[in-house]
PDB file of N, CA and C in Angstrom:
ATOM      1  N   MET A   1       0.826  -1.199   0.000  1.00  0.00           N
ATOM      2  CA  MET A   1       0.000   0.000   0.000  1.00  0.00           C
ATOM      3  C   MET A   1       0.867   1.258   0.000  1.00  0.00           C
ATOM      4  N   SER A   2       1.923   1.220   0.758  1.00  0.00           N
ATOM      5  CA  SER A   2       2.780   2.393   0.849  1.00  0.00           C
ATOM      6  C   SER A   2       3.416   2.731  -0.497  1.00  0.00           C
ATOM      7  N   ARG A   3       3.848   1.707  -1.221  1.00  0.00           N
ATOM      8  CA  ARG A   3       4.464   1.925  -2.536  1.00  0.00           C
ATOM      9  C   ARG A   3       3.443   2.529  -3.501  1.00  0.00           C
ATOM     10  N   LEU A   4       2.225   2.031  -3.460  1.00  0.00           N
ATOM     11  CA  LEU A   4       1.149   2.555  -4.299  1.00  0.00           C
ATOM     12  C   LEU A   4       0.865   4.021  -3.961  1.00  0.00           C
ATOM     13  N   PHE A   5       0.850   4.343  -2.681  1.00  0.00           N
ATOM     14  CA  PHE A   5       0.610   5.709  -2.224  1.00  0.00           C
ATOM     15  C   PHE A   5       1.680   6.662  -2.745  1.00  0.00           C
ATOM     16  N   TRP A   6       2.948   6.281  -2.621  1.00  0.00           N
ATOM     17  CA  TRP A   6       4.047   7.141  -3.079  1.00  0.00           C
ATOM     18  C   TRP A   6       4.058   7.263  -4.598  1.00  0.00           C
ATOM     19  N   THR A   7       3.685   6.205  -5.288  1.00  0.00           N
ATOM     20  CA  THR A   7       3.590   6.264  -6.750  1.00  0.00           C
ATOM     21  C   THR A   7       2.491   7.233  -7.161  1.00  0.00           C
ATOM     22  N   TYR A   8       1.341   7.143  -6.489  1.00  0.00           N
ATOM     23  CA  TYR A   8       0.234   8.076  -6.731  1.00  0.00           C
ATOM     24  C   TYR A   8       0.695   9.521  -6.542  1.00  0.00           C
ATOM     25  N   LEU A   9       1.352   9.783  -5.411  1.00  0.00           N
ATOM     26  CA  LEU A   9       1.801  11.148  -5.136  1.00  0.00           C
ATOM     27  C   LEU A   9       2.819  11.645  -6.163  1.00  0.00           C
ATOM     28  N   LEU A  10       3.743  10.789  -6.533  1.00  0.00           N
ATOM     29  CA  LEU A  10       4.756  11.173  -7.510  1.00  0.00           C
ATOM     30  C   LEU A  10       4.118  11.524  -8.852  1.00  0.00           C
ATOM     31  N   ILE A  11       3.274  10.638  -9.349  1.00  0.00           N
ATOM     32  CA  ILE A  11       2.633  10.887 -10.647  1.00  0.00           C
ATOM     33  C   ILE A  11       1.754  12.120 -10.585  1.00  0.00           C
ATOM     34  N   LEU A  12       0.954  12.248  -9.529  1.00  0.00           N
ATOM     35  CA  LEU A  12       0.061  13.396  -9.393  1.00  0.00           C
ATOM     36  C   LEU A  12       0.835  14.705  -9.341  1.00  0.00           C
ATOM     37  N   ASN A  13       1.935  14.742  -8.621  1.00  0.00           N
ATOM     38  CA  ASN A  13       2.709  15.977  -8.506  1.00  0.00           C
ATOM     39  C   ASN A  13       3.413  16.344  -9.809  1.00  0.00           C
ATOM     40  N   VAL A  14       3.895  15.362 -10.536  1.00  0.00           N
ATOM     41  CA  VAL A  14       4.515  15.632 -11.839  1.00  0.00           C
ATOM     42  C   VAL A  14       3.453  16.162 -12.807  1.00  0.00           C
ATOM     43  N   VAL A  15       2.294  15.509 -12.831  1.00  0.00           N
ATOM     44  CA  VAL A  15       1.201  15.964 -13.702  1.00  0.00           C
ATOM     45  C   VAL A  15       0.764  17.368 -13.319  1.00  0.00           C
ATOM     46  N   THR A  16       0.593  17.630 -12.037  1.00  0.00           N
ATOM     47  CA  THR A  16       0.167  18.948 -11.576  1.00  0.00           C
ATOM     48  C   THR A  16       1.173  20.013 -11.975  1.00  0.00           C
ATOM     49  N   PHE A  17       2.447  19.740 -11.804  1.00  0.00           N
ATOM     50  CA  PHE A  17       3.497  20.675 -12.188  1.00  0.00           C
ATOM     51  C   PHE A  17       3.360  21.064 -13.658  1.00  0.00           C
ATOM     52  N   PHE A  18       3.194  20.062 -14.525  1.00  0.00           N
ATOM     53  CA  PHE A  18       3.100  20.347 -15.951  1.00  0.00           C
ATOM     54  C   PHE A  18       1.763  20.981 -16.332  1.00  0.00           C
ATOM     55  N   ILE A  19       0.700  20.668 -15.616  1.00  0.00           N
ATOM     56  CA  ILE A  19      -0.598  21.314 -15.869  1.00  0.00           C
ATOM     57  C   ILE A  19      -0.489  22.811 -15.601  1.00  0.00           C
ATOM     58  N   TYR A  20       0.217  23.195 -14.544  1.00  0.00           N
ATOM     59  CA  TYR A  20       0.427  24.616 -14.266  1.00  0.00           C
ATOM     60  C   TYR A  20       1.221  25.268 -15.400  1.00  0.00           C
ATOM     61  N   GLY A  21       2.207  24.560 -15.916  1.00  0.00           N
ATOM     62  CA  GLY A  21       2.988  25.073 -17.042  1.00  0.00           C
ATOM     63  C   GLY A  21       2.155  25.202 -18.303  1.00  0.00           C
ATOM     64  N   ILE A  22       1.300  24.223 -18.561  1.00  0.00           N
ATOM     65  CA  ILE A  22       0.422  24.275 -19.737  1.00  0.00           C
ATOM     66  C   ILE A  22      -0.538  25.452 -19.623  1.00  0.00           C
ATOM     67  N   ASP A  23      -1.092  25.669 -18.438  1.00  0.00           N
ATOM     68  CA  ASP A  23      -2.013  26.790 -18.257  1.00  0.00           C
ATOM     69  C   ASP A  23      -1.296  28.119 -18.444  1.00  0.00           C
ATOM     70  N   LYS A  24      -0.061  28.221 -18.004  1.00  0.00           N
ATOM     71  CA  LYS A  24       0.713  29.443 -18.212  1.00  0.00           C
ATOM     72  C   LYS A  24       0.936  29.678 -19.707  1.00  0.00           C
ATOM     73  N   TYR A  25       1.270  28.627 -20.419  1.00  0.00           N
ATOM     74  CA  TYR A  25       1.459  28.730 -21.867  1.00  0.00           C
ATOM     75  C   TYR A  25       0.167  29.205 -22.540  1.00  0.00           C
ATOM     76  N   LYS A  26      -0.959  28.589 -22.140  1.00  0.00           N
ATOM     77  CA  LYS A  26      -2.246  28.974 -22.716  1.00  0.00           C
ATOM     78  C   LYS A  26      -2.596  30.415 -22.380  1.00  0.00           C
ATOM     79  N   ALA A  27      -2.227  30.872 -21.206  1.00  0.00           N
ATOM     80  CA  ALA A  27      -2.497  32.261 -20.822  1.00  0.00           C
ATOM     81  C   ALA A  27      -1.722  33.220 -21.727  1.00  0.00           C
ATOM     82  N   LYS A  28      -0.477  32.892 -22.005  1.00  0.00           N
ATOM     83  CA  LYS A  28       0.346  33.741 -22.865  1.00  0.00           C
ATOM     84  C   LYS A  28      -0.179  33.780 -24.294  1.00  0.00           C
ATOM     85  N   LYS A  29      -0.750  32.676 -24.757  1.00  0.00           N
ATOM     86  CA  LYS A  29      -1.227  32.566 -26.140  1.00  0.00           C
ATOM     87  C   LYS A  29      -2.711  32.908 -26.283  1.00  0.00           C
ATOM     88  N   SER A  30      -3.346  33.339 -25.197  1.00  0.00           N
ATOM     89  CA  SER A  30      -4.787  33.672 -25.186  1.00  0.00           C
ATOM     90  C   SER A  30      -5.643  32.495 -25.662  1.00  0.00           C
ATOM     91  N   LEU A  31      -5.300  31.309 -25.216  1.00  0.00           N
ATOM     92  CA  LEU A  31      -6.046  30.102 -25.548  1.00  0.00           C
ATOM     93  C   LEU A  31      -6.992  29.736 -24.409  1.00  0.00           C
ATOM     94  N   TRP A  32      -7.818  28.703 -24.644  1.00  0.00           N
ATOM     95  CA  TRP A  32      -8.713  28.206 -23.613  1.00  0.00           C
ATOM     96  C   TRP A  32      -7.885  27.803 -22.393  1.00  0.00           C
ATOM     97  N   ARG A  33      -8.353  28.217 -21.206  1.00  0.00           N
ATOM     98  CA  ARG A  33      -7.587  28.012 -19.968  1.00  0.00           C
ATOM     99  C   ARG A  33      -8.123  26.861 -19.138  1.00  0.00           C
ATOM    100  N   ILE A  34      -7.285  26.355 -18.305  1.00  0.00           N
ATOM    101  CA  ILE A  34      -7.669  25.340 -17.324  1.00  0.00           C
ATOM    102  C   ILE A  34      -8.326  26.081 -16.157  1.00  0.00           C
ATOM    103  N   PRO A  35      -9.520  25.663 -15.744  1.00  0.00           N
ATOM    104  CA  PRO A  35     -10.208  26.375 -14.660  1.00  0.00           C
ATOM    105  C   PRO A  35      -9.378  26.418 -13.369  1.00  0.00           C
ATOM    106  N   GLU A  36      -9.458  27.549 -12.664  1.00  0.00           N
ATOM    107  CA  GLU A  36      -8.737  27.681 -11.394  1.00  0.00           C
ATOM    108  C   GLU A  36      -9.162  26.600 -10.412  1.00  0.00           C
ATOM    109  N   SER A  37     -10.435  26.231 -10.443  1.00  0.00           N
ATOM    110  CA  SER A  37     -10.911  25.189  -9.530  1.00  0.00           C
ATOM    111  C   SER A  37     -10.194  23.862  -9.788  1.00  0.00           C
ATOM    112  N   THR A  38      -9.891  23.569 -11.033  1.00  0.00           N
ATOM    113  CA  THR A  38      -9.154  22.345 -11.367  1.00  0.00           C
ATOM    114  C   THR A  38      -7.727  22.415 -10.850  1.00  0.00           C
ATOM    115  N   LEU A  39      -7.094  23.570 -11.014  1.00  0.00           N
ATOM    116  CA  LEU A  39      -5.725  23.737 -10.529  1.00  0.00           C
ATOM    117  C   LEU A  39      -5.663  23.571  -9.009  1.00  0.00           C
ATOM    118  N   LEU A  40      -6.620  24.159  -8.311  1.00  0.00           N
ATOM    119  CA  LEU A  40      -6.641  24.034  -6.851  1.00  0.00           C
ATOM    120  C   LEU A  40      -7.020  22.619  -6.408  1.00  0.00           C
ATOM    121  N   LEU A  41      -7.914  21.979  -7.157  1.00  0.00           N
ATOM    122  CA  LEU A  41      -8.295  20.610  -6.826  1.00  0.00           C
ATOM    123  C   LEU A  41      -7.106  19.666  -6.951  1.00  0.00           C
ATOM    124  N   LEU A  42      -6.306  19.846  -8.000  1.00  0.00           N
ATOM    125  CA  LEU A  42      -5.104  19.024  -8.159  1.00  0.00           C
ATOM    126  C   LEU A  42      -4.179  19.177  -6.955  1.00  0.00           C
ATOM    127  N   ALA A  43      -4.052  20.394  -6.451  1.00  0.00           N
ATOM    128  CA  ALA A  43      -3.231  20.617  -5.250  1.00  0.00           C
ATOM    129  C   ALA A  43      -3.855  19.934  -4.040  1.00  0.00           C
ATOM    130  N   ALA A  44      -5.168  20.048  -3.904  1.00  0.00           N
ATOM    131  CA  ALA A  44      -5.851  19.529  -2.719  1.00  0.00           C
ATOM    132  C   ALA A  44      -5.833  18.009  -2.630  1.00  0.00           C
ATOM    133  N   VAL A  45      -5.863  17.317  -3.761  1.00  0.00           N
ATOM    134  CA  VAL A  45      -5.913  15.844  -3.723  1.00  0.00           C
ATOM    135  C   VAL A  45      -4.530  15.206  -3.652  1.00  0.00           C
ATOM    136  N   GLY A  46      -3.507  16.018  -3.409  1.00  0.00           N
ATOM    137  CA  GLY A  46      -2.169  15.472  -3.200  1.00  0.00           C
ATOM    138  C   GLY A  46      -1.092  16.082  -4.069  1.00  0.00           C
ATOM    139  N   GLY A  47      -1.461  16.963  -4.978  1.00  0.00           N
ATOM    140  CA  GLY A  47      -0.480  17.557  -5.880  1.00  0.00           C
ATOM    141  C   GLY A  47       0.035  18.906  -5.421  1.00  0.00           C
ATOM    142  N   SER A  48       0.053  19.125  -4.122  1.00  0.00           N
ATOM    143  CA  SER A  48       0.433  20.438  -3.595  1.00  0.00           C
ATOM    144  C   SER A  48       1.900  20.783  -3.860  1.00  0.00           C
ATOM    145  N   VAL A  49       2.776  19.803  -3.836  1.00  0.00           N
ATOM    146  CA  VAL A  49       4.191  20.061  -4.121  1.00  0.00           C
ATOM    147  C   VAL A  49       4.352  20.455  -5.586  1.00  0.00           C
ATOM    148  N   GLY A  50       3.715  19.718  -6.474  1.00  0.00           N
ATOM    149  CA  GLY A  50       3.757  20.044  -7.899  1.00  0.00           C
ATOM    150  C   GLY A  50       3.150  21.407  -8.187  1.00  0.00           C
ATOM    151  N   ALA A  51       2.047  21.733  -7.506  1.00  0.00           N
ATOM    152  CA  ALA A  51       1.406  23.034  -7.692  1.00  0.00           C
ATOM    153  C   ALA A  51       2.327  24.150  -7.208  1.00  0.00           C
ATOM    154  N   TYR A  52       2.935  23.958  -6.053  1.00  0.00           N
ATOM    155  CA  TYR A  52       3.822  24.985  -5.503  1.00  0.00           C
ATOM    156  C   TYR A  52       5.009  25.237  -6.437  1.00  0.00           C
ATOM    157  N   PHE A  53       5.653  24.172  -6.862  1.00  0.00           N
ATOM    158  CA  PHE A  53       6.808  24.346  -7.752  1.00  0.00           C
ATOM    159  C   PHE A  53       6.380  24.813  -9.145  1.00  0.00           C
ATOM    160  N   GLY A  54       5.192  24.414  -9.578  1.00  0.00           N
ATOM    161  CA  GLY A  54       4.661  24.916 -10.838  1.00  0.00           C
ATOM    162  C   GLY A  54       4.455  26.415 -10.801  1.00  0.00           C
ATOM    163  N   MET A  55       3.963  26.904  -9.674  1.00  0.00           N
ATOM    164  CA  MET A  55       3.791  28.352  -9.511  1.00  0.00           C
ATOM    165  C   MET A  55       5.135  29.058  -9.548  1.00  0.00           C
ATOM    166  N   LYS A  56       6.121  28.486  -8.891  1.00  0.00           N
ATOM    167  CA  LYS A  56       7.442  29.125  -8.805  1.00  0.00           C
ATOM    168  C   LYS A  56       8.202  29.052 -10.135  1.00  0.00           C
ATOM    169  N   VAL A  57       8.228  27.886 -10.748  1.00  0.00           N
ATOM    170  CA  VAL A  57       9.002  27.704 -11.978  1.00  0.00           C
ATOM    171  C   VAL A  57       8.370  28.449 -13.144  1.00  0.00           C
ATOM    172  N   TRP A  58       7.055  28.311 -13.292  1.00  0.00           N
ATOM    173  CA  TRP A  58       6.370  28.923 -14.428  1.00  0.00           C
ATOM    174  C   TRP A  58       5.939  30.363 -14.140  1.00  0.00           C
ATOM    175  N   HIS A  59       6.127  30.833 -12.901  1.00  0.00           N
ATOM    176  CA  HIS A  59       5.672  32.173 -12.485  1.00  0.00           C
ATOM    177  C   HIS A  59       4.188  32.334 -12.817  1.00  0.00           C
ATOM    178  N   HIS A  60       3.415  31.375 -12.349  1.00  0.00           N
ATOM    179  CA  HIS A  60       2.003  31.314 -12.707  1.00  0.00           C
ATOM    180  C   HIS A  60       1.125  31.375 -11.473  1.00  0.00           C
ATOM    181  N   LYS A  61       0.125  32.224 -11.522  1.00  0.00           N
ATOM    182  CA  LYS A  61      -0.865  32.392 -10.454  1.00  0.00           C
ATOM    183  C   LYS A  61      -0.236  32.904  -9.151  1.00  0.00           C
ATOM    184  N   THR A  62       0.900  33.542  -9.244  1.00  0.00           N
ATOM    185  CA  THR A  62       1.597  33.994  -8.031  1.00  0.00           C
ATOM    186  C   THR A  62       0.983  35.254  -7.434  1.00  0.00           C
ATOM    187  N   LEU A  63       0.166  35.970  -8.185  1.00  0.00           N
ATOM    188  CA  LEU A  63      -0.461  37.181  -7.658  1.00  0.00           C
ATOM    189  C   LEU A  63      -1.889  36.953  -7.190  1.00  0.00           C
ATOM    190  N   HIS A  64      -2.457  35.796  -7.494  1.00  0.00           N
ATOM    191  CA  HIS A  64      -3.811  35.470  -7.057  1.00  0.00           C
ATOM    192  C   HIS A  64      -3.748  34.996  -5.608  1.00  0.00           C
ATOM    193  N   LYS A  65      -4.495  35.673  -4.725  1.00  0.00           N
ATOM    194  CA  LYS A  65      -4.406  35.348  -3.298  1.00  0.00           C
ATOM    195  C   LYS A  65      -4.774  33.903  -2.990  1.00  0.00           C
ATOM    196  N   LYS A  66      -5.778  33.375  -3.686  1.00  0.00           N
ATOM    197  CA  LYS A  66      -6.163  31.989  -3.374  1.00  0.00           C
ATOM    198  C   LYS A  66      -5.072  30.994  -3.757  1.00  0.00           C
ATOM    199  N   PHE A  67      -4.204  31.363  -4.664  1.00  0.00           N
ATOM    200  CA  PHE A  67      -3.061  30.511  -5.007  1.00  0.00           C
ATOM    201  C   PHE A  67      -1.840  30.887  -4.167  1.00  0.00           C
ATOM    202  N   LYS A  68      -1.588  32.168  -4.047  1.00  0.00           N
ATOM    203  CA  LYS A  68      -0.420  32.657  -3.304  1.00  0.00           C
ATOM    204  C   LYS A  68      -0.421  32.140  -1.867  1.00  0.00           C
ATOM    205  N   TYR A  69      -1.609  32.116  -1.254  1.00  0.00           N
ATOM    206  CA  TYR A  69      -1.714  31.644   0.129  1.00  0.00           C
ATOM    207  C   TYR A  69      -2.315  30.243   0.213  1.00  0.00           C
ATOM    208  N   GLY A  70      -3.223  29.912  -0.702  1.00  0.00           N
ATOM    209  CA  GLY A  70      -3.924  28.632  -0.641  1.00  0.00           C
ATOM    210  C   GLY A  70      -3.037  27.433  -0.883  1.00  0.00           C
ATOM    211  N   VAL A  71      -2.212  27.498  -1.920  1.00  0.00           N
ATOM    212  CA  VAL A  71      -1.353  26.343  -2.234  1.00  0.00           C
ATOM    213  C   VAL A  71      -0.345  26.073  -1.109  1.00  0.00           C
ATOM    214  N   PRO A  72       0.349  27.095  -0.580  1.00  0.00           N
ATOM    215  CA  PRO A  72       1.246  26.792   0.551  1.00  0.00           C
ATOM    216  C   PRO A  72       0.506  26.259   1.783  1.00  0.00           C
ATOM    217  N   ILE A  73      -0.715  26.739   2.025  1.00  0.00           N
ATOM    218  CA  ILE A  73      -1.492  26.225   3.162  1.00  0.00           C
ATOM    219  C   ILE A  73      -1.845  24.765   2.938  1.00  0.00           C
ATOM    220  N   ILE A  74      -2.274  24.425   1.718  1.00  0.00           N
ATOM    221  CA  ILE A  74      -2.579  23.025   1.392  1.00  0.00           C
ATOM    222  C   ILE A  74      -1.330  22.165   1.555  1.00  0.00           C
ATOM    223  N   LEU A  75      -0.197  22.672   1.096  1.00  0.00           N
ATOM    224  CA  LEU A  75       1.069  21.945   1.225  1.00  0.00           C
ATOM    225  C   LEU A  75       1.405  21.700   2.694  1.00  0.00           C
ATOM    226  N   LEU A  76       1.250  22.704   3.528  1.00  0.00           N
ATOM    227  CA  LEU A  76       1.518  22.544   4.966  1.00  0.00           C
ATOM    228  C   LEU A  76       0.535  21.582   5.616  1.00  0.00           C
ATOM    229  N   LEU A  77      -0.734  21.627   5.192  1.00  0.00           N
ATOM    230  CA  LEU A  77      -1.723  20.676   5.719  1.00  0.00           C
ATOM    231  C   LEU A  77      -1.346  19.240   5.337  1.00  0.00           C
ATOM    232  N   HIS A  78      -0.936  19.052   4.095  1.00  0.00           N
ATOM    233  CA  HIS A  78      -0.505  17.712   3.675  1.00  0.00           C
ATOM    234  C   HIS A  78       0.696  17.249   4.492  1.00  0.00           C
ATOM    235  N   LEU A  79       1.653  18.132   4.663  1.00  0.00           N
ATOM    236  CA  LEU A  79       2.841  17.797   5.445  1.00  0.00           C
ATOM    237  C   LEU A  79       2.452  17.435   6.873  1.00  0.00           C
ATOM    238  N   GLY A  80       1.570  18.229   7.474  1.00  0.00           N
ATOM    239  CA  GLY A  80       1.099  17.949   8.826  1.00  0.00           C
ATOM    240  C   GLY A  80       0.395  16.606   8.928  1.00  0.00           C
ATOM    241  N   LEU A  81      -0.445  16.290   7.933  1.00  0.00           N
ATOM    242  CA  LEU A  81      -1.136  14.995   7.932  1.00  0.00           C
ATOM    243  C   LEU A  81      -0.153  13.833   7.777  1.00  0.00           C
ATOM    244  N   PHE A  82       0.824  14.015   6.917  1.00  0.00           N
ATOM    245  CA  PHE A  82       1.824  12.961   6.721  1.00  0.00           C
ATOM    246  C   PHE A  82       2.603  12.714   8.013  1.00  0.00           C
ATOM    247  N   ILE A  83       2.954  13.770   8.695  1.00  0.00           N
ATOM    248  CA  ILE A  83       3.686  13.631   9.969  1.00  0.00           C
ATOM    249  C   ILE A  83       2.788  12.989  11.025  1.00  0.00           C
ATOM    250  N   TYR A  84       1.544  13.454  11.118  1.00  0.00           N
ATOM    251  CA  TYR A  84       0.596  12.937  12.108  1.00  0.00           C
ATOM    252  C   TYR A  84       0.368  11.442  11.939  1.00  0.00           C
ATOM    253  N   PHE A  85       0.193  11.017  10.692  1.00  0.00           N
ATOM    254  CA  PHE A  85      -0.069   9.605  10.424  1.00  0.00           C
ATOM    255  C   PHE A  85       1.190   8.770  10.267  1.00  0.00           C
ATOM    256  N   GLY A  86       2.359   9.383  10.474  1.00  0.00           N
ATOM    257  CA  GLY A  86       3.611   8.663  10.439  1.00  0.00           C
ATOM    258  C   GLY A  86       4.040   8.220   9.054  1.00  0.00           C
ATOM    259  N   ILE A  87       3.556   8.927   8.036  1.00  0.00           N
ATOM    260  CA  ILE A  87       3.911   8.581   6.663  1.00  0.00           C
ATOM    261  C   ILE A  87       5.335   9.058   6.363  1.00  0.00           C
ATOM    262  N   ILE A  88       5.693  10.194   6.942  1.00  0.00           N
ATOM    263  CA  ILE A  88       7.070  10.685   6.787  1.00  0.00           C
ATOM    264  C   ILE A  88       7.658  10.963   8.149  1.00  0.00           C
TER     265      ILE A  88
END
């Protein structure tokens, strides 16, 4: 179970990171965008590390308060849960 959990987190975070990059690209090209709710949902279901680094690397959504503060809060909540349940 533990291996499956870490595989899930790894894949989800890599996908989330690139989804943030794709949305940044689409924003620059004035193309159809990925909804903010989807970006935040990806962070909430375990992709918070990918979302955080996606924001930093792609310089995306860094001025939106719900991302600027929300993603780091989600990341800290995940970290706290992992510590509480002895996952890390």
